Structures are given as C-alpha cells and as structure tokens.
Amino acid sequence: MNFRTLSIHSGLLIVTFITATFAGVQWLNKDPFELASFSLGLTYAYLIIAFLGTHEMGHYIAARIHGVDTTLPYFLPFPPFFGLMPFGTLGAVIRIRSELRDRKTLFDVGAAGPISGFVVCIFLLAWGMTHLPPVEYLYGIHPEYRNMAQIPTEGLTFGRPILFMLMEKFVAPPSAFLPPMNEVYHYPFLCVGWFGALVTALNLLPVGQLDGGHIAYAMFGSRSHLLAQVVLVALLVLGTAGILPFLGIPITFGWAGWLIWSMILALLLKSKRFRHPALEDVEDIGPARELIGWICGLIFILSFTVVPVSQ
C-alpha cells in the first residue's frame, strides 16, 4: 500500500471521527462548536468507529483469507448539521478489486461483516443496559422534564428492534431507569448499539450487492432473484404505508424511507454492473455455511425495525 492510498484511508477515518464527535455532542443537546463540549462526543465517536470498523474488517479479513484483493475500509463522513444524517457518518465500505471465484468465497465475504458487527452491537447494548445512569442523567440534558408528570414521548423516536427488546427484558437490571425510545440517542452505548442493529439489518436485506444479497445468492443461486423481488415489493408496501399518514390516513406500520430504499435497490438490480457472476456450476457451500446463512437470517430478524425512525 503506497503513501497516497494510506493517506486517503487515514484522512477519511479522521474526518469521520470528527463528524461523529460533532454528532455525539449534538445528541447531548450541546453546541459542537464550543471547544469545551467537544470531548462530550468522544465516547459516541469511538463506539461508532468501532462498530463500522469491525463490520468492514470482517469483510476484509474474510476476503484476504480467500486471497481476494480488497482495500482497507473507506470511512464515509457526513456533517450532522443538516438533519439528513444526524449520526455523523454514512457508514464505511471496502472495495473488492478481484473477482469472487466461487460461492463459498462469496458467502464468507458477505457474511463476515454483519456477523462481526452484530457481535459488537450485542456488547454495546449489553454494556449500555447494565450501566444505565439514573434518571438524573436525563434531567441534566432536559431540565424541563423535572417539573413534568412524565417524560414526553414525542419527537424523534427510534424504533425498537427485537434485539433491543430482549436486552431490555433480560439484561437491564429491574430497578434501572430505561429511557423511552425518543431519548435513547442521549445514551452513547444504546444509541450506537441501535444504529449498529439498523445498519446490520439494512446490509442483510437479501438484495443485489448488499451483504444479504451475497449470502442469498451463495445459498440459493438464481432463485435468490425471486427472494430479492419479494423483499423489494415488501419495502415498497412499507414505504407507501409510511406516506399515507401525510395524506390523513392513520397508518402506523410504514416508513417513507423504505420507499427510497426500494427504488435505489431496484435500480441496482437492473444494472448489469451490480449483478453477481454466474457461479451455478460450483459445488454447494456445505451444511456449516448453510447453518451460518440461516443464523444471518435470524440476525436480520432480530435487528430489523419496520419503522426505524418516527417523528
């Protein structure tokens, strides 16, 4: 790796860390441009870099094991000041520069990322649930809540994936104060754990060049195209349902963001550039990988949220 390439990777990582730190400060209702507040966002930044880095290094290590030429992760910064991506990043990617020769390689490279990232999510949520601060922490961020009969439940609200619900039920101490989902982003471990679950679910959608698309194609071959079409129709329905409340129709099971996702994925599926090479003549991936593939399906179910964000 030459100096120019290393500089690009390092520079993107540093900038992403800075934009993520700004996001962490904003999640605490502080001004990220005040120097004294900058350190308040460091925990959030370290955690989100750790999750993204682990996910992408899972892909990278699996690719290197199979002798696939690939880049180090490119972290994608995004300023959190415009309300479009308040997490301070668009994620991270690696670029594979050589062909994936067989279905086993395709499967391993595709599955390694979401599995690695999901393990990090479990640890983050477990730590966050077992180290929940008292309600005074939230009052320090929202002093106006002290004089209210109950904490408001409106505003920017995260959806609750099954993983989050299981952690609340079985990991959080019974006496702990569990923040409502419209306040979770004030808690760095819970916020990044939730974000990681969302990213894992999105990547495991069995469509195209997403991780889930690689896994599905390795497991089912050309039959995975039918699965991808079913998923796209489901996302289209959920996305359309998310628009209906703006038209005065009180439906709460949709999210308009799925409409955008379904359109993007549909365009990628139609592009020859983003199709999998024909690997039908290669031997099956074997029972062990089949089992891991179904485990990835379970991870998707645990991580998926029908309405990820509501206002």
Protein backbone atom coordinates (compact mmCIF):
# COMPACT_ATOMS: atom_id res chain seq x y z
CA MET A 1 0.00 0.00 0.00
CA ASN A 2 1.50 3.32 -1.06
CA PHE A 3 1.57 6.51 0.99
CA ARG A 4 -1.19 8.19 -1.06
CA THR A 5 -3.63 5.32 -0.53
CA LEU A 6 -2.85 5.10 3.17
CA SER A 7 -3.34 8.86 3.48
CA ILE A 8 -6.80 8.62 1.92
CA HIS A 9 -7.91 5.87 4.30
CA SER A 10 -6.42 7.64 7.32
CA GLY A 11 -7.83 11.01 6.31
CA LEU A 12 -11.36 9.67 5.87
CA LEU A 13 -11.12 7.91 9.23
CA ILE A 14 -10.02 11.09 10.98
CA VAL A 15 -12.70 13.24 9.34
CA THR A 16 -15.37 10.64 10.14
CA PHE A 17 -14.21 10.58 13.75
CA ILE A 18 -14.57 14.37 13.89
CA THR A 19 -18.05 14.44 12.30
CA ALA A 20 -19.12 11.57 14.58
CA THR A 21 -17.83 13.52 17.60
CA PHE A 22 -19.91 16.51 16.49
CA ALA A 23 -22.91 14.18 16.26
CA GLY A 24 -22.23 12.82 19.74
CA VAL A 25 -22.18 16.35 21.13
CA GLN A 26 -25.43 17.22 19.36
CA TRP A 27 -27.12 14.11 20.74
CA LEU A 28 -26.46 15.61 24.19
CA ASN A 29 -28.13 18.89 23.16
CA LYS A 30 -24.82 20.72 23.32
CA ASP A 31 -23.16 23.04 20.81
CA PRO A 32 -20.49 21.04 18.93
CA PHE A 33 -18.70 24.27 18.00
CA GLU A 34 -17.97 25.04 21.64
CA LEU A 35 -14.49 23.69 22.34
CA ALA A 36 -15.44 22.77 25.90
CA SER A 37 -18.21 20.49 24.61
CA PHE A 38 -16.15 18.62 22.03
CA SER A 39 -14.93 15.97 24.48
CA LEU A 40 -18.54 15.07 25.32
CA GLY A 41 -18.94 13.43 21.92
CA LEU A 42 -15.78 11.31 22.05
CA THR A 43 -17.40 8.20 23.56
CA TYR A 44 -20.04 8.15 20.85
CA ALA A 45 -17.38 8.65 18.14
CA TYR A 46 -15.15 5.84 19.43
CA LEU A 47 -18.11 3.46 19.60
CA ILE A 48 -19.47 4.19 16.13
CA ILE A 49 -15.98 3.89 14.59
CA ALA A 50 -15.53 0.60 16.46
CA PHE A 51 -18.78 -0.80 15.09
CA LEU A 52 -18.18 0.31 11.50
CA GLY A 53 -14.55 -0.75 11.59
CA THR A 54 -15.38 -4.20 12.95
CA HIS A 55 -18.07 -4.75 10.32
CA GLU A 56 -15.78 -3.80 7.44
CA MET A 57 -12.74 -5.61 8.83
CA GLY A 58 -14.89 -8.74 8.97
CA HIS A 59 -15.29 -8.44 5.21
CA TYR A 60 -11.62 -7.54 4.75
CA ILE A 61 -10.23 -10.47 6.75
CA ALA A 62 -12.56 -12.98 5.07
CA ALA A 63 -11.54 -11.63 1.67
CA ARG A 64 -7.83 -11.86 2.47
CA ILE A 65 -8.23 -15.43 3.76
CA HIS A 66 -9.64 -16.38 0.35
CA GLY A 67 -6.92 -14.47 -1.49
CA VAL A 68 -9.30 -11.78 -2.73
CA ASP A 69 -7.71 -8.41 -3.45
CA THR A 70 -9.52 -5.75 -1.48
CA THR A 71 -8.95 -2.32 0.02
CA LEU A 72 -8.94 -1.29 3.63
CA PRO A 73 -12.20 0.33 4.82
CA TYR A 74 -13.17 3.73 3.48
CA PHE A 75 -14.98 5.57 6.27
CA LEU A 76 -17.63 7.97 4.97
CA PRO A 77 -18.02 11.17 6.99
CA PHE A 78 -21.15 13.29 6.90
CA PRO A 79 -21.71 16.50 8.88
CA PRO A 80 -24.63 16.07 11.29
CA PHE A 81 -25.76 19.67 11.00
CA PHE A 82 -28.35 19.41 8.21
CA GLY A 83 -30.76 16.93 9.78
CA LEU A 84 -30.18 14.41 6.96
CA MET A 85 -27.78 12.06 8.73
CA PRO A 86 -27.53 13.01 12.43
CA PHE A 87 -25.20 10.07 13.16
CA GLY A 88 -22.22 11.90 11.65
CA THR A 89 -21.39 9.22 9.09
CA LEU A 90 -22.74 7.41 6.06
CA GLY A 91 -21.02 4.22 7.19
CA ALA A 92 -17.94 2.58 5.72
CA VAL A 93 -17.15 0.42 2.70
CA ILE A 94 -14.37 -1.70 1.28
CA ARG A 95 -13.75 -2.12 -2.44
CA ILE A 96 -13.12 -5.61 -3.78
CA ARG A 97 -10.69 -5.41 -6.69
CA SER A 98 -10.72 -9.03 -7.85
CA GLU A 99 -13.47 -11.49 -8.69
CA LEU A 100 -15.07 -13.72 -6.08
CA ARG A 101 -14.33 -17.07 -7.69
CA ASP A 102 -16.92 -19.33 -6.07
CA ARG A 103 -19.99 -19.36 -3.89
CA LYS A 104 -18.06 -20.26 -0.74
CA THR A 105 -15.89 -17.19 -1.10
CA LEU A 106 -18.93 -15.04 -1.89
CA PHE A 107 -20.69 -16.36 1.20
CA ASP A 108 -17.77 -15.94 3.57
CA VAL A 109 -17.01 -12.38 2.49
CA GLY A 110 -20.67 -11.41 2.62
CA ALA A 111 -21.46 -12.98 5.99
CA ALA A 112 -18.31 -11.99 7.91
CA GLY A 113 -19.19 -8.28 8.05
CA PRO A 114 -22.73 -8.38 9.50
CA ILE A 115 -21.86 -11.20 11.91
CA SER A 116 -18.85 -9.26 13.24
CA GLY A 117 -20.86 -6.06 13.52
CA PHE A 118 -23.77 -7.81 15.21
CA VAL A 119 -21.48 -9.18 17.91
CA VAL A 120 -20.32 -5.62 18.60
CA CYS A 121 -23.98 -4.49 18.79
CA ILE A 122 -24.70 -7.13 21.43
CA PHE A 123 -21.76 -6.00 23.55
CA LEU A 124 -22.65 -2.31 23.19
CA LEU A 125 -26.29 -2.84 24.12
CA ALA A 126 -25.39 -5.21 26.97
CA TRP A 127 -22.95 -2.68 28.40
CA GLY A 128 -25.41 0.16 27.92
CA MET A 129 -28.24 -1.76 29.57
CA THR A 130 -26.15 -2.84 32.58
CA HIS A 131 -24.66 0.64 33.11
CA LEU A 132 -27.75 2.79 32.77
CA PRO A 133 -27.43 6.04 34.72
CA PRO A 134 -30.28 7.19 36.97
CA VAL A 135 -32.99 9.44 35.62
CA GLU A 136 -30.99 12.44 36.89
CA TYR A 137 -28.73 11.99 33.85
CA LEU A 138 -31.67 12.69 31.54
CA TYR A 139 -32.79 15.60 33.70
CA GLY A 140 -29.33 17.09 33.24
CA ILE A 141 -29.94 17.11 29.48
CA HIS A 142 -33.61 18.13 29.71
CA PRO A 143 -34.01 20.17 32.94
CA GLU A 144 -37.62 20.95 31.95
CA TYR A 145 -38.56 17.30 32.50
CA ARG A 146 -38.17 17.65 36.27
CA ASN A 147 -41.45 19.54 36.56
CA MET A 148 -43.44 17.27 34.25
CA ALA A 149 -45.71 14.45 35.40
CA GLN A 150 -44.00 12.12 32.94
CA ILE A 151 -41.21 12.23 30.38
CA PRO A 152 -42.61 13.29 26.97
CA THR A 153 -42.79 10.57 24.33
CA GLU A 154 -42.98 12.73 21.23
CA GLY A 155 -40.17 13.96 18.98
CA LEU A 156 -37.52 12.00 17.10
CA THR A 157 -38.16 8.39 18.11
CA PHE A 158 -36.15 5.27 17.30
CA GLY A 159 -37.97 2.04 16.51
CA ARG A 160 -37.44 -0.86 18.89
CA PRO A 161 -35.92 -3.95 17.20
CA ILE A 162 -36.37 -7.37 18.79
CA LEU A 163 -32.73 -7.35 19.90
CA PHE A 164 -33.32 -4.13 21.83
CA MET A 165 -36.47 -5.54 23.47
CA LEU A 166 -34.64 -8.72 24.51
CA MET A 167 -31.85 -6.68 26.06
CA GLU A 168 -34.35 -4.55 27.97
CA LYS A 169 -36.12 -7.64 29.31
CA PHE A 170 -33.24 -9.95 30.14
CA VAL A 171 -30.13 -7.78 30.55
CA ALA A 172 -31.18 -4.43 32.06
CA PRO A 173 -31.48 -4.53 35.87
CA PRO A 174 -35.14 -4.49 37.03
CA SER A 175 -34.57 -1.30 39.01
CA ALA A 176 -32.82 0.58 36.19
CA PHE A 177 -34.36 3.59 34.50
CA LEU A 178 -34.99 2.63 30.88
CA PRO A 179 -35.16 5.74 28.71
CA PRO A 180 -38.02 5.96 26.19
CA MET A 181 -37.04 5.47 22.57
CA ASN A 182 -37.28 9.21 21.91
CA GLU A 183 -34.44 9.75 24.39
CA VAL A 184 -32.18 6.76 23.62
CA TYR A 185 -29.83 8.85 21.48
CA HIS A 186 -28.64 10.65 24.63
CA TYR A 187 -27.03 7.36 25.74
CA PRO A 188 -23.96 6.64 23.56
CA PHE A 189 -23.82 2.86 24.07
CA LEU A 190 -27.54 2.42 23.44
CA CYS A 191 -27.51 4.85 20.51
CA VAL A 192 -24.62 3.19 18.70
CA GLY A 193 -25.96 -0.28 19.53
CA TRP A 194 -29.29 0.70 17.98
CA PHE A 195 -27.55 2.29 14.99
CA GLY A 196 -25.47 -0.84 14.52
CA ALA A 197 -28.57 -3.03 14.53
CA LEU A 198 -30.16 -0.81 11.87
CA VAL A 199 -27.05 -0.91 9.69
CA THR A 200 -26.82 -4.69 10.12
CA ALA A 201 -30.45 -5.15 9.07
CA LEU A 202 -30.05 -2.91 6.03
CA ASN A 203 -26.94 -4.79 4.94
CA LEU A 204 -28.65 -8.15 5.39
CA LEU A 205 -31.52 -7.35 3.03
CA PRO A 206 -31.20 -10.22 0.51
CA VAL A 207 -30.93 -7.93 -2.49
CA GLY A 208 -28.21 -7.30 -5.07
CA GLN A 209 -24.72 -6.48 -3.84
CA LEU A 210 -25.74 -6.00 -0.22
CA ASP A 211 -24.25 -8.49 2.23
CA GLY A 212 -27.59 -10.25 2.39
CA GLY A 213 -27.65 -10.42 -1.39
CA HIS A 214 -24.26 -12.16 -1.40
CA ILE A 215 -25.41 -14.63 1.24
CA ALA A 216 -28.70 -15.37 -0.54
CA TYR A 217 -27.02 -15.86 -3.91
CA ALA A 218 -24.40 -18.15 -2.41
CA MET A 219 -27.13 -20.22 -0.74
CA PHE A 220 -29.84 -20.26 -3.41
CA GLY A 221 -28.18 -19.31 -6.69
CA SER A 222 -30.50 -17.78 -9.27
CA ARG A 223 -33.50 -18.48 -7.02
CA SER A 224 -32.32 -15.60 -4.84
CA HIS A 225 -33.56 -13.19 -7.53
CA LEU A 226 -37.15 -14.12 -6.66
CA LEU A 227 -36.43 -13.53 -2.98
CA ALA A 228 -34.98 -10.12 -3.82
CA GLN A 229 -38.11 -9.20 -5.77
CA VAL A 230 -40.35 -10.23 -2.87
CA VAL A 231 -38.27 -8.10 -0.48
CA LEU A 232 -38.45 -5.12 -2.84
CA VAL A 233 -42.25 -5.40 -3.04
CA ALA A 234 -42.44 -5.60 0.77
CA LEU A 235 -40.26 -2.49 1.12
CA LEU A 236 -42.39 -0.72 -1.46
CA VAL A 237 -45.53 -1.53 0.52
CA LEU A 238 -43.97 -0.39 3.80
CA GLY A 239 -42.69 2.78 2.14
CA THR A 240 -46.07 3.59 0.64
CA ALA A 241 -47.70 2.99 4.03
CA GLY A 242 -45.25 5.49 5.51
CA ILE A 243 -46.54 8.21 3.19
CA LEU A 244 -50.24 7.64 3.94
CA PRO A 245 -50.24 9.49 7.31
CA PHE A 246 -49.20 12.66 5.45
CA LEU A 247 -52.39 12.22 3.41
CA GLY A 248 -54.53 11.97 6.52
CA ILE A 249 -54.73 8.16 6.59
CA PRO A 250 -53.78 6.98 10.12
CA ILE A 251 -51.49 4.02 9.39
CA THR A 252 -48.54 3.45 11.70
CA PHE A 253 -46.74 0.40 10.28
CA GLY A 254 -44.81 2.09 7.47
CA TRP A 255 -41.79 4.31 6.97
CA ALA A 256 -41.32 6.56 3.97
CA GLY A 257 -37.60 5.81 3.95
CA TRP A 258 -38.32 2.28 2.71
CA LEU A 259 -39.75 3.78 -0.46
CA ILE A 260 -36.41 5.41 -1.22
CA TRP A 261 -34.53 2.22 -0.36
CA SER A 262 -36.75 0.10 -2.60
CA MET A 263 -36.19 2.45 -5.54
CA ILE A 264 -32.41 2.51 -5.07
CA LEU A 265 -32.20 -1.26 -4.77
CA ALA A 266 -34.48 -1.77 -7.78
CA LEU A 267 -32.19 0.40 -9.91
CA LEU A 268 -29.13 -1.53 -8.72
CA LEU A 269 -30.80 -4.85 -9.55
CA LYS A 270 -31.45 -3.70 -13.10
CA SER A 271 -27.84 -2.63 -13.60
CA LYS A 272 -25.63 -5.36 -15.09
CA ARG A 273 -22.70 -3.87 -13.23
CA PHE A 274 -24.18 -4.85 -9.88
CA ARG A 275 -25.22 -8.40 -10.75
CA HIS A 276 -23.50 -11.47 -9.39
CA PRO A 277 -21.37 -13.52 -11.78
CA ALA A 278 -22.72 -16.94 -12.76
CA LEU A 279 -21.50 -19.36 -10.10
CA GLU A 280 -24.09 -22.09 -10.59
CA ASP A 281 -21.55 -24.75 -11.62
CA VAL A 282 -19.63 -24.51 -8.35
CA GLU A 283 -20.24 -27.03 -5.57
CA ASP A 284 -22.71 -26.26 -2.81
CA ILE A 285 -21.46 -24.22 0.12
CA GLY A 286 -21.96 -27.12 2.57
CA PRO A 287 -24.10 -27.62 5.68
CA ALA A 288 -21.93 -25.50 8.01
CA ARG A 289 -22.25 -22.44 5.80
CA GLU A 290 -25.94 -23.19 5.25
CA LEU A 291 -26.43 -23.07 9.01
CA ILE A 292 -24.50 -19.80 9.27
CA GLY A 293 -26.66 -18.43 6.48
CA TRP A 294 -29.82 -19.18 8.43
CA ILE A 295 -28.22 -17.62 11.50
CA CYS A 296 -27.69 -14.48 9.40
CA GLY A 297 -31.42 -14.61 8.65
CA LEU A 298 -32.09 -14.72 12.40
CA ILE A 299 -29.73 -11.77 12.91
CA PHE A 300 -31.73 -9.85 10.31
CA ILE A 301 -34.99 -10.58 12.14
CA LEU A 302 -33.51 -9.51 15.49
CA SER A 303 -32.09 -6.30 14.00
CA PHE A 304 -34.88 -5.22 11.66
CA THR A 305 -37.32 -2.47 12.57
CA VAL A 306 -40.44 -1.88 10.47
CA VAL A 307 -40.41 1.82 11.42
CA PRO A 308 -36.76 2.67 12.20
CA VAL A 309 -37.40 6.36 12.89
CA SER A 310 -40.54 8.35 13.50
CA GLN A 311 -41.21 11.98 14.36
